[in-house]
């Protein structure tokens, strides 16, 4: 959007694009920070968090990095009335594809985690402290980022900074984004089909209504997992590959959806964190109650302790084990 100094209509569109981007960006920053703070707080309180609870935190870190860097680019351009230049533009430009690729790798990691938990009926492991998982999810985007500097690809990309050549952008970002959207859709469709198949086989086996209800509630949420990623990036990918025309309306659509990732992640992936915390706190209540019963029966005095249990009701998708279909929901 190169506007002449006397073109007031173009200048208003320029401002509208960046303001439209900043509004969802602020919402995403708030949502991502909430996930991270809740995760850190309960990591200290519970002394550890399972991998299912950690995954939403890492996705939120990626989105927070994207919103702070790319949102900072939008803010600079709005206040200065021109796109960043030189080293500052390269800084903004390299972080945008880096954090997009990080979200891609972490979204695929969540998909693999749910796949193994359901189909293999076990929680996958990735070495001590999940080092192999982190090496993949952070390492691959880092290699692409460094490669971009080696070939000097970062600079002005329309009304913001990014990768200057659209063909290079396709191979560094868009192709992996397209592959990820396809893999996510196929993966979760197969998982849902598998669960429905198991439920159909066991429909004559006695199972409590609460268990069936928990599974039915979990399936729609699981089917939305790929939507969180696709809805954020599909219009951006179509715009970058020129499937969507470079019009003012399409630019507004792209900046609005691409900067809503933190909100999508909070609403969908955040359930994995909230559910893990809820189950652990309920287990603490049960353990405390059992200890109190033992002390009371032995003539001791039960301590007056209170443990806060969040009232948030989330679907039981922490570990979507197929065997849980015949077990009452916790």
Protein backbone atom coordinates (compact mmCIF):
# COMPACT_ATOMS: atom_id res chain seq x y z
CA UNK A 1 0.00 0.00 0.00
CA UNK A 2 2.19 2.80 -1.26
CA UNK A 3 0.25 6.01 -0.65
CA UNK A 4 1.09 9.44 -1.99
CA UNK A 5 1.30 12.18 0.65
CA UNK A 6 -1.72 13.92 -0.90
CA UNK A 7 -3.89 10.78 -1.14
CA UNK A 8 -6.08 11.08 1.95
CA UNK A 9 -8.27 8.08 1.05
CA UNK A 10 -5.25 5.79 0.77
CA UNK A 11 -3.84 7.16 4.01
CA UNK A 12 -7.09 6.36 5.82
CA UNK A 13 -6.98 2.82 4.46
CA UNK A 14 -3.36 2.54 5.63
CA UNK A 15 -4.40 3.52 9.16
CA UNK A 16 -7.44 1.24 9.08
CA UNK A 17 -5.30 -1.79 8.14
CA UNK A 18 -2.94 -1.33 11.07
CA UNK A 19 -5.68 -0.49 13.57
CA UNK A 20 -7.66 -3.53 12.44
CA UNK A 21 -4.57 -5.65 13.01
CA UNK A 22 -3.80 -4.19 16.44
CA UNK A 23 -7.25 -4.84 17.95
CA UNK A 24 -7.17 -8.67 17.60
CA UNK A 25 -3.44 -8.58 18.33
CA UNK A 26 -4.09 -7.05 21.76
CA UNK A 27 -6.81 -9.63 22.46
CA UNK A 28 -4.45 -12.44 21.47
CA UNK A 29 -1.69 -11.06 23.69
CA UNK A 30 -4.09 -11.00 26.66
CA UNK A 31 -5.28 -14.56 25.94
CA UNK A 32 -1.73 -15.89 25.49
CA UNK A 33 -0.47 -14.19 28.65
CA UNK A 34 -3.39 -15.68 30.61
CA UNK A 35 -2.49 -19.20 29.43
CA UNK A 36 1.18 -18.68 30.30
CA UNK A 37 0.50 -17.18 33.75
CA UNK A 38 -2.01 -19.91 34.63
CA UNK A 39 0.48 -22.55 33.49
CA UNK A 40 3.37 -21.11 35.52
CA UNK A 41 1.17 -20.60 38.60
CA UNK A 42 -0.12 -24.14 38.66
CA UNK A 43 3.25 -25.59 37.70
CA UNK A 44 4.54 -24.16 40.97
CA UNK A 45 1.47 -25.19 42.92
CA UNK A 46 1.26 -28.72 41.55
CA UNK A 47 5.09 -29.01 41.27
CA UNK A 48 4.76 -30.36 37.74
CA UNK A 49 2.54 -30.27 34.68
CA UNK A 50 1.92 -33.13 32.29
CA UNK A 51 2.83 -32.77 28.64
CA UNK A 52 -0.83 -32.27 27.70
CA UNK A 53 -0.88 -29.20 29.96
CA UNK A 54 2.45 -27.90 28.68
CA UNK A 55 1.54 -27.98 24.98
CA UNK A 56 -0.99 -25.10 25.15
CA UNK A 57 1.63 -23.02 26.99
CA UNK A 58 4.20 -23.48 24.22
CA UNK A 59 1.64 -22.68 21.52
CA UNK A 60 0.73 -19.53 23.45
CA UNK A 61 4.40 -18.57 23.69
CA UNK A 62 4.63 -18.81 19.90
CA UNK A 63 1.55 -16.69 19.39
CA UNK A 64 2.69 -14.17 22.00
CA UNK A 65 6.01 -13.81 20.19
CA UNK A 66 4.21 -13.35 16.88
CA UNK A 67 1.81 -10.73 18.25
CA UNK A 68 4.52 -8.75 20.04
CA UNK A 69 6.83 -8.65 17.02
CA UNK A 70 4.31 -8.34 14.19
CA UNK A 71 1.97 -6.20 16.29
CA UNK A 72 4.95 -3.98 17.09
CA UNK A 73 5.53 -3.69 13.34
CA UNK A 74 1.92 -2.61 12.81
CA UNK A 75 2.15 -0.11 15.68
CA UNK A 76 5.35 1.42 14.30
CA UNK A 77 3.86 1.73 10.83
CA UNK A 78 0.71 3.33 12.20
CA UNK A 79 2.57 5.91 14.28
CA UNK A 80 5.31 6.65 11.74
CA UNK A 81 3.06 6.54 8.65
CA UNK A 82 5.60 4.42 6.80
CA UNK A 83 6.92 0.84 6.85
CA UNK A 84 10.00 0.11 8.94
CA UNK A 85 13.30 0.18 7.10
CA UNK A 86 16.79 -1.26 7.40
CA UNK A 87 17.72 -3.38 10.40
CA UNK A 88 14.43 -2.74 12.19
CA UNK A 89 12.46 -4.07 9.24
CA UNK A 90 14.74 -7.12 9.03
CA UNK A 91 14.14 -7.72 12.74
CA UNK A 92 10.36 -7.58 12.36
CA UNK A 93 10.56 -9.44 9.05
CA UNK A 94 12.53 -12.44 10.38
CA UNK A 95 10.38 -12.90 13.49
CA UNK A 96 7.10 -13.08 11.58
CA UNK A 97 7.91 -16.29 9.63
CA UNK A 98 9.81 -17.69 12.61
CA UNK A 99 6.83 -17.57 14.96
CA UNK A 100 4.43 -18.71 12.23
CA UNK A 101 6.61 -21.78 11.67
CA UNK A 102 6.82 -22.33 15.44
CA UNK A 103 3.03 -22.39 15.63
CA UNK A 104 3.02 -24.87 12.76
CA UNK A 105 5.41 -27.27 14.49
CA UNK A 106 3.64 -27.05 17.86
CA UNK A 107 0.20 -27.53 16.27
CA UNK A 108 1.54 -30.69 14.59
CA UNK A 109 3.01 -31.82 17.92
CA UNK A 110 -0.37 -31.49 19.63
CA UNK A 111 -1.94 -33.49 16.81
CA UNK A 112 0.66 -36.26 17.19
CA UNK A 113 0.20 -36.27 20.98
CA UNK A 114 -3.57 -36.70 20.70
CA UNK A 115 -3.11 -39.30 17.95
CA UNK A 116 -0.81 -41.48 20.04
CA UNK A 117 -2.89 -41.01 23.18
CA UNK A 118 -6.02 -42.24 21.42
CA UNK A 119 -4.83 -44.75 18.82
CA UNK A 120 -1.83 -46.20 20.68
CA UNK A 121 -3.53 -45.67 24.08
CA UNK A 122 -0.35 -44.27 25.60
CA UNK A 123 1.15 -40.85 26.15
CA UNK A 124 4.13 -40.37 23.80
CA UNK A 125 7.54 -39.48 25.23
CA UNK A 126 10.26 -37.37 23.62
CA UNK A 127 13.36 -38.05 25.65
CA UNK A 128 14.40 -36.45 28.97
CA UNK A 129 12.43 -33.24 29.53
CA UNK A 130 10.96 -33.74 26.03
CA UNK A 131 14.22 -32.52 24.52
CA UNK A 132 13.54 -34.07 21.09
CA UNK A 133 10.16 -32.38 20.90
CA UNK A 134 11.67 -28.98 21.66
CA UNK A 135 14.53 -29.58 19.24
CA UNK A 136 12.00 -30.15 16.46
CA UNK A 137 9.47 -27.43 17.33
CA UNK A 138 12.02 -24.66 17.92
CA UNK A 139 14.94 -25.99 15.89
CA UNK A 140 13.28 -26.29 12.48
CA UNK A 141 11.90 -22.71 12.51
CA UNK A 142 15.28 -21.47 13.74
CA UNK A 143 17.08 -23.16 10.84
CA UNK A 144 14.64 -21.54 8.39
CA UNK A 145 15.16 -18.15 10.06
CA UNK A 146 18.94 -18.39 9.79
CA UNK A 147 18.63 -19.53 6.18
CA UNK A 148 16.60 -16.41 5.44
CA UNK A 149 19.41 -14.21 6.71
CA UNK A 150 21.92 -16.19 4.64
CA UNK A 151 19.96 -15.37 1.46
CA UNK A 152 18.97 -11.85 2.58
CA UNK A 153 15.23 -12.37 2.14
CA UNK A 154 13.84 -10.12 4.89
CA UNK A 155 12.54 -6.64 4.15
CA UNK A 156 9.42 -4.68 3.23
CA UNK A 157 6.44 -6.92 2.40
CA UNK A 158 3.57 -4.64 1.46
CA UNK A 159 2.24 -2.68 4.47
CA UNK A 160 4.48 -4.58 6.90
CA UNK A 161 7.85 -6.35 7.07
CA UNK A 162 8.46 -9.97 6.21
CA UNK A 163 9.87 -11.93 3.28
CA UNK A 164 10.19 -9.72 0.23
CA UNK A 165 9.86 -12.36 -2.50
CA UNK A 166 6.55 -14.25 -2.62
CA UNK A 167 8.16 -17.40 -4.09
CA UNK A 168 10.70 -17.48 -1.27
CA UNK A 169 7.88 -16.85 1.21
CA UNK A 170 6.01 -19.82 -0.23
CA UNK A 171 8.91 -22.23 0.36
CA UNK A 172 9.84 -20.83 3.76
CA UNK A 173 6.34 -20.56 5.24
CA UNK A 174 3.33 -21.24 3.02
CA UNK A 175 4.21 -24.75 1.87
CA UNK A 176 4.64 -25.95 5.46
CA UNK A 177 1.45 -24.18 6.45
CA UNK A 178 -0.48 -25.95 3.67
CA UNK A 179 0.97 -29.34 4.59
CA UNK A 180 0.13 -28.75 8.26
CA UNK A 181 -3.51 -27.84 7.53
CA UNK A 182 -3.94 -31.04 5.48
CA UNK A 183 -2.23 -33.23 8.10
CA UNK A 184 -4.25 -31.71 10.95
CA UNK A 185 -7.54 -32.26 9.12
CA UNK A 186 -6.71 -35.88 8.23
CA UNK A 187 -5.31 -36.66 11.69
CA UNK A 188 -8.28 -35.42 13.71
CA UNK A 189 -10.79 -36.86 11.25
CA UNK A 190 -9.14 -40.26 11.66
CA UNK A 191 -9.09 -39.94 15.47
CA UNK A 192 -12.80 -39.05 15.58
CA UNK A 193 -13.63 -41.93 13.23
CA UNK A 194 -11.64 -44.30 15.44
CA UNK A 195 -13.45 -43.18 18.59
CA UNK A 196 -16.86 -43.47 16.93
CA UNK A 197 -15.92 -46.95 15.73
CA UNK A 198 -14.92 -48.05 19.23
CA UNK A 199 -18.06 -46.54 20.74
CA UNK A 200 -20.21 -48.40 18.23
CA UNK A 201 -18.53 -51.71 19.08
CA UNK A 202 -19.09 -51.10 22.77
CA UNK A 203 -22.61 -49.74 22.57
CA UNK A 204 -23.98 -52.99 23.98
CA UNK A 205 -21.44 -52.97 26.81
CA UNK A 206 -22.60 -51.37 30.04
CA UNK A 207 -21.24 -47.86 30.37
CA UNK A 208 -22.37 -45.03 32.58
CA UNK A 209 -24.18 -42.10 30.99
CA UNK A 210 -21.63 -39.64 32.39
CA UNK A 211 -18.88 -41.42 30.47
CA UNK A 212 -20.81 -41.35 27.20
CA UNK A 213 -21.60 -37.68 27.74
CA UNK A 214 -17.93 -36.84 28.37
CA UNK A 215 -16.88 -38.53 25.15
CA UNK A 216 -19.65 -36.87 23.13
CA UNK A 217 -18.60 -33.48 24.51
CA UNK A 218 -14.93 -34.10 23.78
CA UNK A 219 -15.43 -35.03 20.13
CA UNK A 220 -16.69 -31.64 18.89
CA UNK A 221 -13.84 -29.86 20.68
CA UNK A 222 -11.29 -32.26 19.21
CA UNK A 223 -12.72 -31.71 15.74
CA UNK A 224 -12.11 -27.96 16.19
CA UNK A 225 -8.39 -28.36 16.97
CA UNK A 226 -7.33 -28.02 13.31
CA UNK A 227 -9.74 -25.10 12.93
CA UNK A 228 -7.73 -23.00 15.41
CA UNK A 229 -4.69 -23.22 13.15
CA UNK A 230 -6.47 -23.18 9.80
CA UNK A 231 -8.71 -20.21 10.60
CA UNK A 232 -5.70 -18.17 11.66
CA UNK A 233 -3.54 -18.86 8.60
CA UNK A 234 -5.64 -20.05 5.68
CA UNK A 235 -6.60 -16.54 4.50
CA UNK A 236 -3.03 -15.35 4.99
CA UNK A 237 -1.78 -18.26 2.87
CA UNK A 238 -4.36 -17.61 0.16
CA UNK A 239 -3.45 -13.92 0.14
CA UNK A 240 0.30 -14.61 -0.06
CA UNK A 241 -0.14 -17.07 -2.93
CA UNK A 242 -2.38 -14.54 -4.74
CA UNK A 243 -5.44 -16.78 -4.62
CA UNK A 244 -7.04 -13.87 -2.75
CA UNK A 245 -6.68 -10.63 -4.67
CA UNK A 246 -4.65 -7.82 -3.14
CA UNK A 247 -7.65 -5.65 -2.29
CA UNK A 248 -8.35 -3.45 0.70
CA UNK A 249 -11.11 -5.73 1.98
CA UNK A 250 -8.98 -8.85 1.69
CA UNK A 251 -6.09 -7.18 3.53
CA UNK A 252 -8.44 -6.35 6.41
CA UNK A 253 -9.64 -9.97 6.46
CA UNK A 254 -6.07 -11.28 6.53
CA UNK A 255 -4.81 -9.03 9.34
CA UNK A 256 -7.91 -9.68 11.43
CA UNK A 257 -7.80 -13.49 11.25
CA UNK A 258 -4.00 -13.84 11.40
CA UNK A 259 -3.81 -11.86 14.63
CA UNK A 260 -6.57 -13.79 16.44
CA UNK A 261 -4.44 -16.87 17.08
CA UNK A 262 -4.10 -16.32 20.82
CA UNK A 263 -7.87 -16.19 21.23
CA UNK A 264 -8.35 -19.38 19.19
CA UNK A 265 -5.65 -21.16 21.20
CA UNK A 266 -7.15 -20.06 24.52
CA UNK A 267 -10.62 -21.30 23.56
CA UNK A 268 -9.50 -24.67 22.16
CA UNK A 269 -6.00 -25.79 23.16
CA UNK A 270 -6.38 -24.08 26.54
CA UNK A 271 -8.87 -26.77 27.54
CA UNK A 272 -6.02 -29.27 27.73
CA UNK A 273 -4.31 -27.13 30.38
CA UNK A 274 -7.50 -26.31 32.29
CA UNK A 275 -8.63 -29.92 32.31
CA UNK A 276 -5.27 -31.15 33.63
CA UNK A 277 -5.37 -28.60 36.46
CA UNK A 278 -8.97 -29.44 37.31
CA UNK A 279 -8.23 -33.16 37.53
CA UNK A 280 -5.13 -32.63 39.67
CA UNK A 281 -6.94 -30.33 42.09
CA UNK A 282 -9.83 -32.76 42.40
CA UNK A 283 -7.33 -35.52 43.13
CA UNK A 284 -5.82 -33.35 45.87
CA UNK A 285 -9.28 -32.90 47.39
CA UNK A 286 -9.85 -36.66 47.32
CA UNK A 287 -6.45 -37.34 48.88
CA UNK A 288 -7.04 -34.75 51.59
CA UNK A 289 -10.48 -36.17 52.31
CA UNK A 290 -9.04 -39.68 52.59
CA UNK A 291 -6.34 -38.46 54.99
CA UNK A 292 -8.94 -36.66 57.08
CA UNK A 293 -11.06 -39.81 57.29
CA UNK A 294 -8.05 -41.82 58.44
CA UNK A 295 -7.15 -39.26 61.12
CA UNK A 296 -10.76 -38.98 62.28
CA UNK A 297 -11.18 -42.74 62.55
CA UNK A 298 -7.95 -42.98 64.54
CA UNK A 299 -9.08 -40.32 67.01
CA UNK A 300 -7.03 -37.43 65.54
CA UNK A 301 -8.30 -34.03 64.60
CA UNK A 302 -8.67 -33.30 60.95
CA UNK A 303 -6.85 -30.16 59.86
CA UNK A 304 -8.94 -27.29 58.62
CA UNK A 305 -7.61 -26.87 55.09
CA UNK A 306 -9.25 -25.57 51.97
CA UNK A 307 -8.24 -26.23 48.41
CA UNK A 308 -9.71 -24.12 45.65
CA UNK A 309 -11.20 -26.09 42.79
CA UNK A 310 -12.02 -24.03 39.69
CA UNK A 311 -15.65 -24.12 38.70
CA UNK A 312 -14.72 -24.14 35.01
CA UNK A 313 -16.12 -27.22 33.34
CA UNK A 314 -14.05 -28.42 30.43
CA UNK A 315 -14.18 -31.57 28.39
CA UNK A 316 -12.05 -34.49 29.43
CA UNK A 317 -9.43 -34.35 26.68
CA UNK A 318 -6.27 -34.35 28.77
CA UNK A 319 -5.55 -37.93 27.86
CA UNK A 320 -8.22 -39.11 25.43
CA UNK A 321 -7.62 -42.78 26.10
CA UNK A 322 -10.01 -45.08 24.26
CA UNK A 323 -10.47 -47.13 27.42
CA UNK A 324 -11.95 -44.05 29.12
CA UNK A 325 -15.10 -44.61 27.08
CA UNK A 326 -16.17 -47.26 29.55
CA UNK A 327 -14.97 -45.34 32.59
CA UNK A 328 -16.93 -42.69 34.49
CA UNK A 329 -15.72 -39.16 33.88
CA UNK A 330 -13.50 -37.76 36.61
